[in-house]
PDB file of N, CA and C in Angstrom:
ATOM      1  N   MET A   1      29.592 -13.853  29.247  1.00  0.00           N
ATOM      2  CA  MET A   1      30.057 -12.602  28.674  1.00  0.00           C
ATOM      3  C   MET A   1      29.582 -11.438  29.544  1.00  0.00           C
ATOM      4  N   ARG A   2      30.479 -10.493  29.762  1.00  0.00           N
ATOM      5  CA  ARG A   2      30.133  -9.280  30.504  1.00  0.00           C
ATOM      6  C   ARG A   2      29.301  -8.342  29.631  1.00  0.00           C
ATOM      7  N   HIS A   3      28.589  -7.457  30.296  1.00  0.00           N
ATOM      8  CA  HIS A   3      27.823  -6.453  29.570  1.00  0.00           C
ATOM      9  C   HIS A   3      28.786  -5.496  28.869  1.00  0.00           C
ATOM     10  N   PHE A   4      28.413  -5.066  27.672  1.00  0.00           N
ATOM     11  CA  PHE A   4      29.246  -4.118  26.932  1.00  0.00           C
ATOM     12  C   PHE A   4      29.467  -2.844  27.737  1.00  0.00           C
ATOM     13  N   SER A   5      28.470  -2.443  28.506  1.00  0.00           N
ATOM     14  CA  SER A   5      28.575  -1.199  29.273  1.00  0.00           C
ATOM     15  C   SER A   5      29.644  -1.279  30.361  1.00  0.00           C
ATOM     16  N   ARG A   6      30.056  -2.481  30.705  1.00  0.00           N
ATOM     17  CA  ARG A   6      31.084  -2.646  31.744  1.00  0.00           C
ATOM     18  C   ARG A   6      32.460  -2.952  31.157  1.00  0.00           C
ATOM     19  N   MET A   7      32.550  -2.938  29.840  1.00  0.00           N
ATOM     20  CA  MET A   7      33.819  -3.220  29.169  1.00  0.00           C
ATOM     21  C   MET A   7      34.523  -1.925  28.800  1.00  0.00           C
ATOM     22  N   SER A   8      35.847  -1.985  28.729  1.00  0.00           N
ATOM     23  CA  SER A   8      36.620  -0.864  28.204  1.00  0.00           C
ATOM     24  C   SER A   8      36.458  -0.849  26.684  1.00  0.00           C
ATOM     25  N   THR A   9      36.877   0.247  26.080  1.00  0.00           N
ATOM     26  CA  THR A   9      36.811   0.357  24.625  1.00  0.00           C
ATOM     27  C   THR A   9      37.578  -0.787  23.964  1.00  0.00           C
ATOM     28  N   GLU A  10      38.755  -1.085  24.480  1.00  0.00           N
ATOM     29  CA  GLU A  10      39.565  -2.166  23.906  1.00  0.00           C
ATOM     30  C   GLU A  10      38.874  -3.522  24.055  1.00  0.00           C
ATOM     31  N   GLU A  11      38.231  -3.738  25.183  1.00  0.00           N
ATOM     32  CA  GLU A  11      37.515  -5.007  25.377  1.00  0.00           C
ATOM     33  C   GLU A  11      36.345  -5.134  24.411  1.00  0.00           C
ATOM     34  N   VAL A  12      35.635  -4.034  24.181  1.00  0.00           N
ATOM     35  CA  VAL A  12      34.520  -4.055  23.226  1.00  0.00           C
ATOM     36  C   VAL A  12      35.055  -4.358  21.825  1.00  0.00           C
ATOM     37  N   LYS A  13      36.162  -3.744  21.449  1.00  0.00           N
ATOM     38  CA  LYS A  13      36.749  -3.996  20.128  1.00  0.00           C
ATOM     39  C   LYS A  13      37.163  -5.461  19.982  1.00  0.00           C
ATOM     40  N   ARG A  14      37.749  -6.037  21.029  1.00  0.00           N
ATOM     41  CA  ARG A  14      38.135  -7.460  20.981  1.00  0.00           C
ATOM     42  C   ARG A  14      36.900  -8.356  20.868  1.00  0.00           C
ATOM     43  N   GLU A  15      35.848  -7.972  21.575  1.00  0.00           N
ATOM     44  CA  GLU A  15      34.607  -8.755  21.517  1.00  0.00           C
ATOM     45  C   GLU A  15      34.000  -8.680  20.118  1.00  0.00           C
ATOM     46  N   ILE A  16      34.065  -7.529  19.486  1.00  0.00           N
ATOM     47  CA  ILE A  16      33.571  -7.391  18.111  1.00  0.00           C
ATOM     48  C   ILE A  16      34.373  -8.298  17.184  1.00  0.00           C
ATOM     49  N   GLN A  17      35.687  -8.346  17.351  1.00  0.00           N
ATOM     50  CA  GLN A  17      36.516  -9.243  16.530  1.00  0.00           C
ATOM     51  C   GLN A  17      36.107 -10.695  16.732  1.00  0.00           C
ATOM     52  N   ARG A  18      35.872 -11.081  17.998  1.00  0.00           N
ATOM     53  CA  ARG A  18      35.455 -12.447  18.289  1.00  0.00           C
ATOM     54  C   ARG A  18      34.099 -12.750  17.642  1.00  0.00           C
ATOM     55  N   LEU A  19      33.187 -11.792  17.741  1.00  0.00           N
ATOM     56  CA  LEU A  19      31.865 -11.968  17.148  1.00  0.00           C
ATOM     57  C   LEU A  19      31.936 -12.036  15.623  1.00  0.00           C
ATOM     58  N   GLU A  20      32.825 -11.264  15.028  1.00  0.00           N
ATOM     59  CA  GLU A  20      32.990 -11.316  13.562  1.00  0.00           C
ATOM     60  C   GLU A  20      33.459 -12.708  13.134  1.00  0.00           C
ATOM     61  N   GLN A  21      34.349 -13.306  13.905  1.00  0.00           N
ATOM     62  CA  GLN A  21      34.808 -14.666  13.607  1.00  0.00           C
ATOM     63  C   GLN A  21      33.666 -15.665  13.765  1.00  0.00           C
ATOM     64  N   ALA A  22      32.876 -15.508  14.816  1.00  0.00           N
ATOM     65  CA  ALA A  22      31.723 -16.385  15.034  1.00  0.00           C
ATOM     66  C   ALA A  22      30.708 -16.218  13.913  1.00  0.00           C
ATOM     67  N   LYS A  23      30.584 -15.002  13.403  1.00  0.00           N
ATOM     68  CA  LYS A  23      29.657 -14.723  12.296  1.00  0.00           C
ATOM     69  C   LYS A  23      30.079 -15.489  11.041  1.00  0.00           C
ATOM     70  N   VAL A  24      31.367 -15.489  10.759  1.00  0.00           N
ATOM     71  CA  VAL A  24      31.878 -16.224   9.596  1.00  0.00           C
ATOM     72  C   VAL A  24      31.574 -17.720   9.743  1.00  0.00           C
ATOM     73  N   GLN A  25      31.789 -18.254  10.932  1.00  0.00           N
ATOM     74  CA  GLN A  25      31.518 -19.671  11.166  1.00  0.00           C
ATOM     75  C   GLN A  25      30.029 -19.978  11.006  1.00  0.00           C
ATOM     76  N   ALA A  26      29.180 -19.100  11.509  1.00  0.00           N
ATOM     77  CA  ALA A  26      27.734 -19.303  11.389  1.00  0.00           C
ATOM     78  C   ALA A  26      27.304 -19.258   9.922  1.00  0.00           C
ATOM     79  N   GLN A  27      27.932 -18.362   9.144  1.00  0.00           N
ATOM     80  CA  GLN A  27      27.619 -18.277   7.713  1.00  0.00           C
ATOM     81  C   GLN A  27      28.036 -19.556   7.004  1.00  0.00           C
ATOM     82  N   ARG A  28      29.224 -20.052   7.330  1.00  0.00           N
ATOM     83  CA  ARG A  28      29.736 -21.266   6.693  1.00  0.00           C
ATOM     84  C   ARG A  28      28.859 -22.484   6.988  1.00  0.00           C
ATOM     85  N   SER A  29      28.338 -22.547   8.207  1.00  0.00           N
ATOM     86  CA  SER A  29      27.548 -23.709   8.591  1.00  0.00           C
ATOM     87  C   SER A  29      26.047 -23.479   8.402  1.00  0.00           C
ATOM     88  N   SER A  30      25.697 -22.375   7.745  1.00  0.00           N
ATOM     89  CA  SER A  30      24.296 -22.047   7.425  1.00  0.00           C
ATOM     90  C   SER A  30      23.390 -22.012   8.651  1.00  0.00           C
ATOM     91  N   GLN A  31      23.903 -21.509   9.755  1.00  0.00           N
ATOM     92  CA  GLN A  31      23.106 -21.369  10.978  1.00  0.00           C
ATOM     93  C   GLN A  31      22.448 -19.989  10.960  1.00  0.00           C
ATOM     94  N   VAL A  32      21.310 -19.907  10.293  1.00  0.00           N
ATOM     95  CA  VAL A  32      20.644 -18.627  10.062  1.00  0.00           C
ATOM     96  C   VAL A  32      20.246 -17.945  11.375  1.00  0.00           C
ATOM     97  N   GLY A  33      19.664 -18.690  12.296  1.00  0.00           N
ATOM     98  CA  GLY A  33      19.244 -18.108  13.566  1.00  0.00           C
ATOM     99  C   GLY A  33      20.422 -17.587  14.365  1.00  0.00           C
ATOM    100  N   GLU A  34      21.476 -18.386  14.430  1.00  0.00           N
ATOM    101  CA  GLU A  34      22.694 -17.986  15.153  1.00  0.00           C
ATOM    102  C   GLU A  34      23.322 -16.756  14.502  1.00  0.00           C
ATOM    103  N   LEU A  35      23.314 -16.717  13.197  1.00  0.00           N
ATOM    104  CA  LEU A  35      23.877 -15.584  12.455  1.00  0.00           C
ATOM    105  C   LEU A  35      23.138 -14.288  12.813  1.00  0.00           C
ATOM    106  N   ALA A  36      21.823 -14.339  12.873  1.00  0.00           N
ATOM    107  CA  ALA A  36      21.030 -13.150  13.215  1.00  0.00           C
ATOM    108  C   ALA A  36      21.354 -12.658  14.625  1.00  0.00           C
ATOM    109  N   VAL A  37      21.516 -13.578  15.563  1.00  0.00           N
ATOM    110  CA  VAL A  37      21.843 -13.204  16.941  1.00  0.00           C
ATOM    111  C   VAL A  37      23.222 -12.545  16.994  1.00  0.00           C
ATOM    112  N   ILE A  38      24.183 -13.118  16.303  1.00  0.00           N
ATOM    113  CA  ILE A  38      25.544 -12.571  16.299  1.00  0.00           C
ATOM    114  C   ILE A  38      25.561 -11.180  15.663  1.00  0.00           C
ATOM    115  N   GLN A  39      24.841 -11.016  14.560  1.00  0.00           N
ATOM    116  CA  GLN A  39      24.797  -9.708  13.904  1.00  0.00           C
ATOM    117  C   GLN A  39      24.201  -8.656  14.833  1.00  0.00           C
ATOM    118  N   ARG A  40      23.166  -9.017  15.582  1.00  0.00           N
ATOM    119  CA  ARG A  40      22.557  -8.074  16.521  1.00  0.00           C
ATOM    120  C   ARG A  40      23.536  -7.737  17.648  1.00  0.00           C
ATOM    121  N   GLN A  41      24.292  -8.723  18.124  1.00  0.00           N
ATOM    122  CA  GLN A  41      25.290  -8.472  19.167  1.00  0.00           C
ATOM    123  C   GLN A  41      26.358  -7.507  18.663  1.00  0.00           C
ATOM    124  N   ILE A  42      26.781  -7.671  17.424  1.00  0.00           N
ATOM    125  CA  ILE A  42      27.769  -6.768  16.833  1.00  0.00           C
ATOM    126  C   ILE A  42      27.209  -5.346  16.773  1.00  0.00           C
ATOM    127  N   GLN A  43      25.945  -5.210  16.373  1.00  0.00           N
ATOM    128  CA  GLN A  43      25.325  -3.887  16.298  1.00  0.00           C
ATOM    129  C   GLN A  43      25.321  -3.202  17.670  1.00  0.00           C
ATOM    130  N   PHE A  44      24.976  -3.965  18.705  1.00  0.00           N
ATOM    131  CA  PHE A  44      24.965  -3.382  20.046  1.00  0.00           C
ATOM    132  C   PHE A  44      26.382  -3.023  20.491  1.00  0.00           C
ATOM    133  N   ALA A  45      27.342  -3.890  20.211  1.00  0.00           N
ATOM    134  CA  ALA A  45      28.731  -3.610  20.596  1.00  0.00           C
ATOM    135  C   ALA A  45      29.224  -2.336  19.917  1.00  0.00           C
ATOM    136  N   LEU A  46      28.928  -2.178  18.637  1.00  0.00           N
ATOM    137  CA  LEU A  46      29.332  -0.970  17.918  1.00  0.00           C
ATOM    138  C   LEU A  46      28.732   0.282  18.560  1.00  0.00           C
ATOM    139  N   SER A  47      27.556   0.141  19.128  1.00  0.00           N
ATOM    140  CA  SER A  47      26.895   1.275  19.770  1.00  0.00           C
ATOM    141  C   SER A  47      27.661   1.773  20.983  1.00  0.00           C
ATOM    142  N   TYR A  48      28.388   0.882  21.640  1.00  0.00           N
ATOM    143  CA  TYR A  48      29.170   1.282  22.810  1.00  0.00           C
ATOM    144  C   TYR A  48      30.485   1.957  22.410  1.00  0.00           C
ATOM    145  N   LEU A  49      30.812   1.913  21.130  1.00  0.00           N
ATOM    146  CA  LEU A  49      31.993   2.614  20.631  1.00  0.00           C
ATOM    147  C   LEU A  49      31.628   3.978  20.056  1.00  0.00           C
ATOM    148  N   ARG A  50      30.362   4.255  19.977  1.00  0.00           N
ATOM    149  CA  ARG A  50      29.861   5.486  19.366  1.00  0.00           C
ATOM    150  C   ARG A  50      29.517   6.504  20.442  1.00  0.00           C
ATOM    151  N   ASP A  51      29.857   7.745  20.206  1.00  0.00           N
ATOM    152  CA  ASP A  51      29.515   8.827  21.122  1.00  0.00           C
ATOM    153  C   ASP A  51      28.060   9.227  20.873  1.00  0.00           C
ATOM    154  N   PRO A  52      27.182   9.053  21.866  1.00  0.00           N
ATOM    155  CA  PRO A  52      25.776   9.419  21.670  1.00  0.00           C
ATOM    156  C   PRO A  52      25.586  10.882  21.282  1.00  0.00           C
ATOM    157  N   ALA A  53      26.543  11.733  21.601  1.00  0.00           N
ATOM    158  CA  ALA A  53      26.439  13.151  21.236  1.00  0.00           C
ATOM    159  C   ALA A  53      26.468  13.352  19.722  1.00  0.00           C
ATOM    160  N   GLU A  54      26.910  12.328  18.975  1.00  0.00           N
ATOM    161  CA  GLU A  54      26.929  12.412  17.511  1.00  0.00           C
ATOM    162  C   GLU A  54      25.534  12.260  16.915  1.00  0.00           C
ATOM    163  N   ILE A  55      24.577  11.794  17.714  1.00  0.00           N
ATOM    164  CA  ILE A  55      23.216  11.559  17.245  1.00  0.00           C
ATOM    165  C   ILE A  55      22.338  12.708  17.738  1.00  0.00           C
ATOM    166  N   SER A  56      21.655  13.351  16.813  1.00  0.00           N
ATOM    167  CA  SER A  56      20.845  14.525  17.157  1.00  0.00           C
ATOM    168  C   SER A  56      19.361  14.251  16.950  1.00  0.00           C
ATOM    169  N   PRO A  57      18.577  14.397  18.005  1.00  0.00           N
ATOM    170  CA  PRO A  57      17.127  14.280  17.845  1.00  0.00           C
ATOM    171  C   PRO A  57      16.631  15.267  16.792  1.00  0.00           C
ATOM    172  N   GLY A  58      15.652  14.811  16.018  1.00  0.00           N
ATOM    173  CA  GLY A  58      15.088  15.643  14.952  1.00  0.00           C
ATOM    174  C   GLY A  58      15.763  15.460  13.614  1.00  0.00           C
ATOM    175  N   HIS A  59      16.901  14.757  13.579  1.00  0.00           N
ATOM    176  CA  HIS A  59      17.621  14.541  12.331  1.00  0.00           C
ATOM    177  C   HIS A  59      17.319  13.156  11.755  1.00  0.00           C
ATOM    178  N   TRP A  60      17.537  13.045  10.451  1.00  0.00           N
ATOM    179  CA  TRP A  60      17.328  11.788   9.731  1.00  0.00           C
ATOM    180  C   TRP A  60      18.646  11.041   9.594  1.00  0.00           C
ATOM    181  N   TYR A  61      18.568   9.709   9.677  1.00  0.00           N
ATOM    182  CA  TYR A  61      19.747   8.856   9.572  1.00  0.00           C
ATOM    183  C   TYR A  61      19.447   7.671   8.665  1.00  0.00           C
ATOM    184  N   ARG A  62      20.501   7.193   8.025  1.00  0.00           N
ATOM    185  CA  ARG A  62      20.417   5.940   7.282  1.00  0.00           C
ATOM    186  C   ARG A  62      20.730   4.836   8.276  1.00  0.00           C
ATOM    187  N   VAL A  63      19.963   3.749   8.228  1.00  0.00           N
ATOM    188  CA  VAL A  63      20.157   2.618   9.123  1.00  0.00           C
ATOM    189  C   VAL A  63      20.697   1.459   8.288  1.00  0.00           C
ATOM    190  N   GLU A  64      21.807   0.873   8.746  1.00  0.00           N
ATOM    191  CA  GLU A  64      22.386  -0.267   8.028  1.00  0.00           C
ATOM    192  C   GLU A  64      21.333  -1.340   7.818  1.00  0.00           C
ATOM    193  N   GLY A  65      21.216  -1.800   6.580  1.00  0.00           N
ATOM    194  CA  GLY A  65      20.297  -2.883   6.263  1.00  0.00           C
ATOM    195  C   GLY A  65      18.859  -2.462   6.033  1.00  0.00           C
ATOM    196  N   GLU A  66      18.577  -1.179   6.094  1.00  0.00           N
ATOM    197  CA  GLU A  66      17.208  -0.686   5.911  1.00  0.00           C
ATOM    198  C   GLU A  66      17.164   0.286   4.735  1.00  0.00           C
ATOM    199  N   GLU A  67      16.055   0.272   4.019  1.00  0.00           N
ATOM    200  CA  GLU A  67      15.866   1.200   2.899  1.00  0.00           C
ATOM    201  C   GLU A  67      15.354   2.555   3.384  1.00  0.00           C
ATOM    202  N   ALA A  68      14.373   2.518   4.290  1.00  0.00           N
ATOM    203  CA  ALA A  68      13.752   3.758   4.768  1.00  0.00           C
ATOM    204  C   ALA A  68      14.689   4.489   5.720  1.00  0.00           C
ATOM    205  N   LEU A  69      14.614   5.804   5.692  1.00  0.00           N
ATOM    206  CA  LEU A  69      15.392   6.621   6.617  1.00  0.00           C
ATOM    207  C   LEU A  69      14.732   6.591   7.988  1.00  0.00           C
ATOM    208  N   PHE A  70      15.495   6.948   9.010  1.00  0.00           N
ATOM    209  CA  PHE A  70      15.037   6.913  10.391  1.00  0.00           C
ATOM    210  C   PHE A  70      15.224   8.286  11.008  1.00  0.00           C
ATOM    211  N   GLN A  71      14.146   8.837  11.579  1.00  0.00           N
ATOM    212  CA  GLN A  71      14.235  10.131  12.259  1.00  0.00           C
ATOM    213  C   GLN A  71      14.274   9.886  13.763  1.00  0.00           C
ATOM    214  N   VAL A  72      15.323  10.393  14.393  1.00  0.00           N
ATOM    215  CA  VAL A  72      15.511  10.204  15.832  1.00  0.00           C
ATOM    216  C   VAL A  72      14.657  11.209  16.606  1.00  0.00           C
ATOM    217  N   ASP A  73      13.901  10.668  17.569  1.00  0.00           N
ATOM    218  CA  ASP A  73      13.125  11.522  18.475  1.00  0.00           C
ATOM    219  C   ASP A  73      13.912  11.801  19.747  1.00  0.00           C
ATOM    220  N   TYR A  74      14.522  10.747  20.316  1.00  0.00           N
ATOM    221  CA  TYR A  74      15.314  10.902  21.537  1.00  0.00           C
ATOM    222  C   TYR A  74      16.239   9.703  21.716  1.00  0.00           C
ATOM    223  N   LEU A  75      17.196   9.853  22.594  1.00  0.00           N
ATOM    224  CA  LEU A  75      18.143   8.782  22.908  1.00  0.00           C
ATOM    225  C   LEU A  75      17.883   8.264  24.307  1.00  0.00           C
ATOM    226  N   ASN A  76      18.085   6.971  24.476  1.00  0.00           N
ATOM    227  CA  ASN A  76      18.021   6.344  25.790  1.00  0.00           C
ATOM    228  C   ASN A  76      19.192   5.375  25.839  1.00  0.00           C
ATOM    229  N   GLY A  77      20.285   5.800  26.454  1.00  0.00           N
ATOM    230  CA  GLY A  77      21.497   4.977  26.462  1.00  0.00           C
ATOM    231  C   GLY A  77      22.070   4.887  25.059  1.00  0.00           C
ATOM    232  N   VAL A  78      22.266   3.652  24.578  1.00  0.00           N
ATOM    233  CA  VAL A  78      22.827   3.456  23.238  1.00  0.00           C
ATOM    234  C   VAL A  78      21.736   3.165  22.208  1.00  0.00           C
ATOM    235  N   MET A  79      20.499   3.465  22.581  1.00  0.00           N
ATOM    236  CA  MET A  79      19.378   3.258  21.668  1.00  0.00           C
ATOM    237  C   MET A  79      18.794   4.598  21.249  1.00  0.00           C
ATOM    238  N   ALA A  80      18.524   4.716  19.949  1.00  0.00           N
ATOM    239  CA  ALA A  80      17.850   5.897  19.418  1.00  0.00           C
ATOM    240  C   ALA A  80      16.397   5.506  19.171  1.00  0.00           C
ATOM    241  N   TRP A  81      15.496   6.267  19.724  1.00  0.00           N
ATOM    242  CA  TRP A  81      14.077   6.032  19.528  1.00  0.00           C
ATOM    243  C   TRP A  81      13.557   7.024  18.501  1.00  0.00           C
ATOM    244  N   GLY A  82      12.757   6.528  17.574  1.00  0.00           N
ATOM    245  CA  GLY A  82      12.203   7.387  16.547  1.00  0.00           C
ATOM    246  C   GLY A  82      11.333   6.596  15.606  1.00  0.00           C
ATOM    247  N   THR A  83      11.131   7.149  14.417  1.00  0.00           N
ATOM    248  CA  THR A  83      10.257   6.513  13.428  1.00  0.00           C
ATOM    249  C   THR A  83      10.950   6.426  12.076  1.00  0.00           C
ATOM    250  N   TYR A  84      10.583   5.380  11.350  1.00  0.00           N
ATOM    251  CA  TYR A  84      11.059   5.237   9.980  1.00  0.00           C
ATOM    252  C   TYR A  84      10.186   6.094   9.074  1.00  0.00           C
ATOM    253  N   GLU A  85      10.775   6.526   8.000  1.00  0.00           N
ATOM    254  CA  GLU A  85      10.098   7.288   6.971  1.00  0.00           C
ATOM    255  C   GLU A  85       8.809   6.561   6.566  1.00  0.00           C
ATOM    256  N   GLY A  86       7.698   7.275   6.581  1.00  0.00           N
ATOM    257  CA  GLY A  86       6.430   6.695   6.160  1.00  0.00           C
ATOM    258  C   GLY A  86       5.719   5.883   7.232  1.00  0.00           C
ATOM    259  N   SER A  87       6.223   5.887   8.454  1.00  0.00           N
ATOM    260  CA  SER A  87       5.614   5.129   9.543  1.00  0.00           C
ATOM    261  C   SER A  87       5.381   6.051  10.743  1.00  0.00           C
ATOM    262  N   SER A  88       4.386   5.719  11.536  1.00  0.00           N
ATOM    263  CA  SER A  88       4.149   6.479  12.763  1.00  0.00           C
ATOM    264  C   SER A  88       4.455   5.640  13.998  1.00  0.00           C
ATOM    265  N   ILE A  89       4.941   4.426  13.784  1.00  0.00           N
ATOM    266  CA  ILE A  89       5.262   3.528  14.894  1.00  0.00           C
ATOM    267  C   ILE A  89       6.664   3.838  15.405  1.00  0.00           C
ATOM    268  N   GLN A  90       6.761   4.159  16.685  1.00  0.00           N
ATOM    269  CA  GLN A  90       8.064   4.469  17.268  1.00  0.00           C
ATOM    270  C   GLN A  90       8.833   3.177  17.535  1.00  0.00           C
ATOM    271  N   GLU A  91      10.103   3.173  17.136  1.00  0.00           N
ATOM    272  CA  GLU A  91      10.964   2.007  17.298  1.00  0.00           C
ATOM    273  C   GLU A  91      12.308   2.440  17.876  1.00  0.00           C
ATOM    274  N   ALA A  92      13.051   1.456  18.372  1.00  0.00           N
ATOM    275  CA  ALA A  92      14.395   1.714  18.900  1.00  0.00           C
ATOM    276  C   ALA A  92      15.425   1.084  17.972  1.00  0.00           C
ATOM    277  N   VAL A  93      16.504   1.804  17.737  1.00  0.00           N
ATOM    278  CA  VAL A  93      17.588   1.351  16.871  1.00  0.00           C
ATOM    279  C   VAL A  93      18.907   1.582  17.600  1.00  0.00           C
ATOM    280  N   PRO A  94      19.815   0.592  17.601  1.00  0.00           N
ATOM    281  CA  PRO A  94      21.128   0.818  18.217  1.00  0.00           C
ATOM    282  C   PRO A  94      21.872   1.941  17.481  1.00  0.00           C
ATOM    283  N   ILE A  95      22.475   2.848  18.218  1.00  0.00           N
ATOM    284  CA  ILE A  95      23.134   3.993  17.580  1.00  0.00           C
ATOM    285  C   ILE A  95      24.346   3.580  16.740  1.00  0.00           C
ATOM    286  N   GLY A  96      24.870   2.390  16.960  1.00  0.00           N
ATOM    287  CA  GLY A  96      26.031   1.936  16.208  1.00  0.00           C
ATOM    288  C   GLY A  96      25.752   1.683  14.730  1.00  0.00           C
ATOM    289  N   ILE A  97      24.474   1.600  14.357  1.00  0.00           N
ATOM    290  CA  ILE A  97      24.148   1.342  12.953  1.00  0.00           C
ATOM    291  C   ILE A  97      23.477   2.537  12.283  1.00  0.00           C
ATOM    292  N   LEU A  98      23.513   3.691  12.951  1.00  0.00           N
ATOM    293  CA  LEU A  98      22.974   4.920  12.378  1.00  0.00           C
ATOM    294  C   LEU A  98      24.079   5.690  11.671  1.00  0.00           C
ATOM    295  N   HIS A  99      23.761   6.175  10.484  1.00  0.00           N
ATOM    296  CA  HIS A  99      24.722   6.962   9.706  1.00  0.00           C
ATOM    297  C   HIS A  99      24.059   8.272   9.289  1.00  0.00           C
ATOM    298  N   PRO A 100      24.712   9.405   9.567  1.00  0.00           N
ATOM    299  CA  PRO A 100      24.101  10.699   9.239  1.00  0.00           C
ATOM    300  C   PRO A 100      23.892  10.860   7.745  1.00  0.00           C
ATOM    301  N   MET A 101      22.851  11.571   7.417  1.00  0.00           N
ATOM    302  CA  MET A 101      22.573  11.894   6.026  1.00  0.00           C
ATOM    303  C   MET A 101      23.469  13.065   5.642  1.00  0.00           C
ATOM    304  N   PRO A 102      24.036  13.029   4.441  1.00  0.00           N
ATOM    305  CA  PRO A 102      24.848  14.174   4.005  1.00  0.00           C
ATOM    306  C   PRO A 102      23.962  15.407   3.856  1.00  0.00           C
ATOM    307  N   PRO A 103      24.535  16.596   4.099  1.00  0.00           N
ATOM    308  CA  PRO A 103      23.727  17.825   3.937  1.00  0.00           C
ATOM    309  C   PRO A 103      23.227  17.948   2.512  1.00  0.00           C
ATOM    310  N   SER A 104      21.981  18.403   2.384  1.00  0.00           N
ATOM    311  CA  SER A 104      21.411  18.533   1.029  1.00  0.00           C
ATOM    312  C   SER A 104      21.525  19.932   0.504  1.00  0.00           C
TER     313      SER A 104
END
């Protein structure tokens, strides 16, 4: 498989479709480890479809599959570096799974 960064938008979308099909098969056959790898690949692929300019350092985001909010400190490629609510440990999250918080 080629790197997502070297694929066109259409190629990334086709790869996501292929991965979604593989995910269904992994779920059916109870391949937990394989399922986790496929889900992570989908998250990274989605990040290549997202405009990094949509992510603003200093803002809070909801992360798919996580309860705690995530505050972005900075971006490095398709990864947002920051901290989860209540933590001081800096982590990286693919931008494809970040969702802006509605204005309060």
